[in-house]
C-alpha atoms as a PDB file:
ATOM      1  CA  GLN A   1      10.925  14.383  -3.025  1.00  0.00           C
ATOM      2  CA  VAL A   2       7.641  12.564  -2.555  1.00  0.00           C
ATOM      3  CA  GLN A   3       6.207  11.945   0.899  1.00  0.00           C
ATOM      4  CA  LEU A   4       3.644   9.233   1.566  1.00  0.00           C
ATOM      5  CA  VAL A   5       1.208   9.377   4.473  1.00  0.00           C
ATOM      6  CA  GLU A   6      -0.716   6.248   5.332  1.00  0.00           C
ATOM      7  CA  SER A   7      -3.961   5.926   7.234  1.00  0.00           C
ATOM      8  CA  GLY A   8      -6.802   3.503   7.807  1.00  0.00           C
ATOM      9  CA  GLY A   9      -5.260   0.870  10.010  1.00  0.00           C
ATOM     10  CA  GLY A  10      -6.859  -0.318  13.220  1.00  0.00           C
ATOM     11  CA  LEU A  11      -8.134  -3.179  15.326  1.00  0.00           C
ATOM     12  CA  VAL A  12     -10.861  -5.313  13.778  1.00  0.00           C
ATOM     13  CA  SER A  13     -12.377  -8.756  14.190  1.00  0.00           C
ATOM     14  CA  ALA A  14     -11.843 -11.680  11.844  1.00  0.00           C
ATOM     15  CA  GLY A  15     -14.089 -11.361   8.815  1.00  0.00           C
ATOM     16  CA  ASP A  16     -14.189  -7.559   8.938  1.00  0.00           C
ATOM     17  CA  SER A  17     -12.921  -5.161   6.287  1.00  0.00           C
ATOM     18  CA  LEU A  18     -10.530  -2.226   6.298  1.00  0.00           C
ATOM     19  CA  ARG A  19      -9.367   0.213   3.655  1.00  0.00           C
ATOM     20  CA  LEU A  20      -5.866   1.592   3.877  1.00  0.00           C
ATOM     21  CA  SER A  21      -4.987   4.886   2.179  1.00  0.00           C
ATOM     22  CA  CYS A  22      -1.621   6.211   1.082  1.00  0.00           C
ATOM     23  CA  LYS A  23      -1.593   9.854   0.052  1.00  0.00           C
ATOM     24  CA  ALA A  24       1.372  11.190  -1.872  1.00  0.00           C
ATOM     25  CA  SER A  25       2.561  14.778  -1.745  1.00  0.00           C
ATOM     26  CA  GLY A  26       5.127  16.226  -4.109  1.00  0.00           C
ATOM     27  CA  SER A  27       5.593  17.116  -7.734  1.00  0.00           C
ATOM     28  CA  ILE A  28       4.961  13.753  -9.331  1.00  0.00           C
ATOM     29  CA  TYR A  29       5.286  13.546 -13.080  1.00  0.00           C
ATOM     30  CA  SER A  30       4.631   9.843 -13.448  1.00  0.00           C
ATOM     31  CA  ILE A  31       4.332   6.650 -11.445  1.00  0.00           C
ATOM     32  CA  ASN A  32       5.672   3.382 -12.788  1.00  0.00           C
ATOM     33  CA  LEU A  33       5.137   1.179  -9.755  1.00  0.00           C
ATOM     34  CA  TYR A  34       3.031   1.186  -6.619  1.00  0.00           C
ATOM     35  CA  ALA A  35       2.859  -1.535  -4.054  1.00  0.00           C
ATOM     36  CA  TRP A  36       1.791  -2.564  -0.588  1.00  0.00           C
ATOM     37  CA  TYR A  37       3.984  -4.548   1.781  1.00  0.00           C
ATOM     38  CA  ARG A  38       3.445  -5.832   5.303  1.00  0.00           C
ATOM     39  CA  GLN A  39       5.608  -6.907   8.181  1.00  0.00           C
ATOM     40  CA  ALA A  40       4.349  -9.067  11.011  1.00  0.00           C
ATOM     41  CA  PRO A  41       6.180  -9.225  14.361  1.00  0.00           C
ATOM     42  CA  GLY A  42       9.305 -11.343  14.096  1.00  0.00           C
ATOM     43  CA  LYS A  43       8.935 -11.772  10.344  1.00  0.00           C
ATOM     44  CA  GLN A  44      10.467 -10.207   7.261  1.00  0.00           C
ATOM     45  CA  ARG A  45       8.622  -7.610   5.238  1.00  0.00           C
ATOM     46  CA  GLU A  46       6.600  -9.284   2.505  1.00  0.00           C
ATOM     47  CA  LEU A  47       4.938  -8.091  -0.662  1.00  0.00           C
ATOM     48  CA  VAL A  48       1.143  -7.907  -0.559  1.00  0.00           C
ATOM     49  CA  ALA A  49       0.307  -6.331  -3.939  1.00  0.00           C
ATOM     50  CA  ILE A  50       2.265  -4.677  -6.723  1.00  0.00           C
ATOM     51  CA  THR A  51       1.047  -2.737  -9.751  1.00  0.00           C
ATOM     52  CA  THR A  52       3.181  -2.036 -12.799  1.00  0.00           C
ATOM     53  CA  ASP A  53       2.094  -1.225 -16.355  1.00  0.00           C
ATOM     54  CA  GLY A  54      -1.514  -1.257 -15.177  1.00  0.00           C
ATOM     55  CA  SER A  55      -1.371  -4.864 -14.000  1.00  0.00           C
ATOM     56  CA  THR A  56      -1.622  -5.901 -10.350  1.00  0.00           C
ATOM     57  CA  ASN A  57      -0.234  -9.042  -8.791  1.00  0.00           C
ATOM     58  CA  TYR A  58      -1.180 -10.218  -5.329  1.00  0.00           C
ATOM     59  CA  ALA A  59       0.448 -12.485  -2.808  1.00  0.00           C
ATOM     60  CA  ALA A  60      -1.252 -15.863  -2.697  1.00  0.00           C
ATOM     61  CA  ALA A  61      -2.246 -15.291   0.927  1.00  0.00           C
ATOM     62  CA  VAL A  62      -4.400 -12.251   0.058  1.00  0.00           C
ATOM     63  CA  ARG A  63      -5.536 -12.981  -3.502  1.00  0.00           C
ATOM     64  CA  GLY A  64      -9.295 -12.710  -3.796  1.00  0.00           C
ATOM     65  CA  ARG A  65      -9.608 -10.775  -0.521  1.00  0.00           C
ATOM     66  CA  PHE A  66      -7.473  -7.658  -1.055  1.00  0.00           C
ATOM     67  CA  THR A  67      -7.714  -5.100  -3.848  1.00  0.00           C
ATOM     68  CA  SER A  68      -5.118  -2.456  -4.615  1.00  0.00           C
ATOM     69  CA  SER A  69      -6.163   0.674  -6.493  1.00  0.00           C
ATOM     70  CA  ARG A  70      -5.140   4.249  -7.177  1.00  0.00           C
ATOM     71  CA  ASP A  71      -7.038   7.517  -7.546  1.00  0.00           C
ATOM     72  CA  ASN A  72      -4.805   9.762  -9.636  1.00  0.00           C
ATOM     73  CA  ALA A  73      -6.964  12.819  -9.053  1.00  0.00           C
ATOM     74  CA  ARG A  74      -6.450  12.470  -5.300  1.00  0.00           C
ATOM     75  CA  ASN A  75      -2.860  11.227  -5.591  1.00  0.00           C
ATOM     76  CA  THR A  76      -3.863   8.397  -3.284  1.00  0.00           C
ATOM     77  CA  ASN A  77      -3.383   4.652  -3.326  1.00  0.00           C
ATOM     78  CA  TYR A  78      -5.766   2.315  -1.559  1.00  0.00           C
ATOM     79  CA  LEU A  79      -5.697  -1.228  -0.249  1.00  0.00           C
ATOM     80  CA  GLN A  80      -9.162  -2.639   0.313  1.00  0.00           C
ATOM     81  CA  MET A  81      -8.909  -5.606   2.656  1.00  0.00           C
ATOM     82  CA  ASN A  82     -11.912  -7.882   3.037  1.00  0.00           C
ATOM     83  CA  SER A  83     -12.483 -11.077   5.011  1.00  0.00           C
ATOM     84  CA  LEU A  84      -9.578 -10.239   7.270  1.00  0.00           C
ATOM     85  CA  LYS A  85      -7.867 -13.037   9.166  1.00  0.00           C
ATOM     86  CA  PRO A  86      -5.704 -12.963  12.304  1.00  0.00           C
ATOM     87  CA  GLU A  87      -2.718 -13.849  10.134  1.00  0.00           C
ATOM     88  CA  ASP A  88      -3.175 -10.545   8.293  1.00  0.00           C
ATOM     89  CA  THR A  89      -2.040  -8.764  11.449  1.00  0.00           C
ATOM     90  CA  ALA A  90       0.994  -6.651  10.520  1.00  0.00           C
ATOM     91  CA  VAL A  91       2.283  -3.169   9.859  1.00  0.00           C
ATOM     92  CA  TYR A  92       1.352  -2.266   6.288  1.00  0.00           C
ATOM     93  CA  TYR A  93       3.565  -0.042   4.131  1.00  0.00           C
ATOM     94  CA  CYS A  94       2.887   1.629   0.812  1.00  0.00           C
ATOM     95  CA  HIS A  95       5.639   2.074  -1.747  1.00  0.00           C
ATOM     96  CA  ILE A  96       5.717   4.174  -4.910  1.00  0.00           C
ATOM     97  CA  ARG A  97       8.357   4.630  -7.622  1.00  0.00           C
ATOM     98  CA  GLY A  98       8.184   7.135 -10.397  1.00  0.00           C
ATOM     99  CA  ASN A  99       9.555  10.390 -11.752  1.00  0.00           C
ATOM    100  CA  LEU A 100       9.374  13.964 -10.501  1.00  0.00           C
ATOM    101  CA  GLU A 101       8.353  16.974 -12.522  1.00  0.00           C
ATOM    102  CA  GLY A 102      11.072  19.290 -13.678  1.00  0.00           C
ATOM    103  CA  SER A 103      14.312  19.141 -15.540  1.00  0.00           C
ATOM    104  CA  GLY A 104      15.523  15.602 -16.011  1.00  0.00           C
ATOM    105  CA  TYR A 105      12.381  13.993 -14.549  1.00  0.00           C
ATOM    106  CA  ARG A 106      14.422  12.705 -11.635  1.00  0.00           C
ATOM    107  CA  ALA A 107      13.380   9.306 -10.297  1.00  0.00           C
ATOM    108  CA  PHE A 108      11.956   8.914  -6.810  1.00  0.00           C
ATOM    109  CA  ASN A 109      11.433   5.870  -4.601  1.00  0.00           C
ATOM    110  CA  SER A 110       9.257   6.528  -1.548  1.00  0.00           C
ATOM    111  CA  TRP A 111       7.855   4.556   1.373  1.00  0.00           C
ATOM    112  CA  GLY A 112       5.046   5.316   3.767  1.00  0.00           C
ATOM    113  CA  GLN A 113       5.549   5.322   7.522  1.00  0.00           C
ATOM    114  CA  GLY A 114       3.445   2.209   8.031  1.00  0.00           C
ATOM    115  CA  THR A 115       0.034   1.653   9.579  1.00  0.00           C
ATOM    116  CA  GLN A 116      -0.827  -1.090  12.055  1.00  0.00           C
ATOM    117  CA  VAL A 117      -3.541  -3.594  11.217  1.00  0.00           C
ATOM    118  CA  THR A 118      -4.583  -5.967  13.987  1.00  0.00           C
ATOM    119  CA  VAL A 119      -7.144  -8.700  13.404  1.00  0.00           C
ATOM    120  CA  SER A 120      -8.549 -10.495  16.429  1.00  0.00           C
ATOM    121  CA  SER A 121      -9.960 -14.002  16.231  1.00  0.00           C
END
């Protein structure tokens, strides 16, 4: 299977920036989707950014401020978050779907453990 380890969260002030990382470990043959979600206290998990077929779509609330990217050589996804607002406070999760190396190229669907982002006003 594929394990995802997130890092980069923390406590920042409004207007600051953070970069979240999501490192994958495992025998990945291909990735067909990677995404970032967030869940604020008392709210449902919501999509922040999703990349499929090389195209990324962002939630309206973060468009223009957040950038999702991937470094294949490092097997790591990133979420660059600029101009952070208190309403961005949430636990952020990375999500990857793809196929494993080996016979049958079995599909995998993995989630990170989440990293807390807190933005003070």
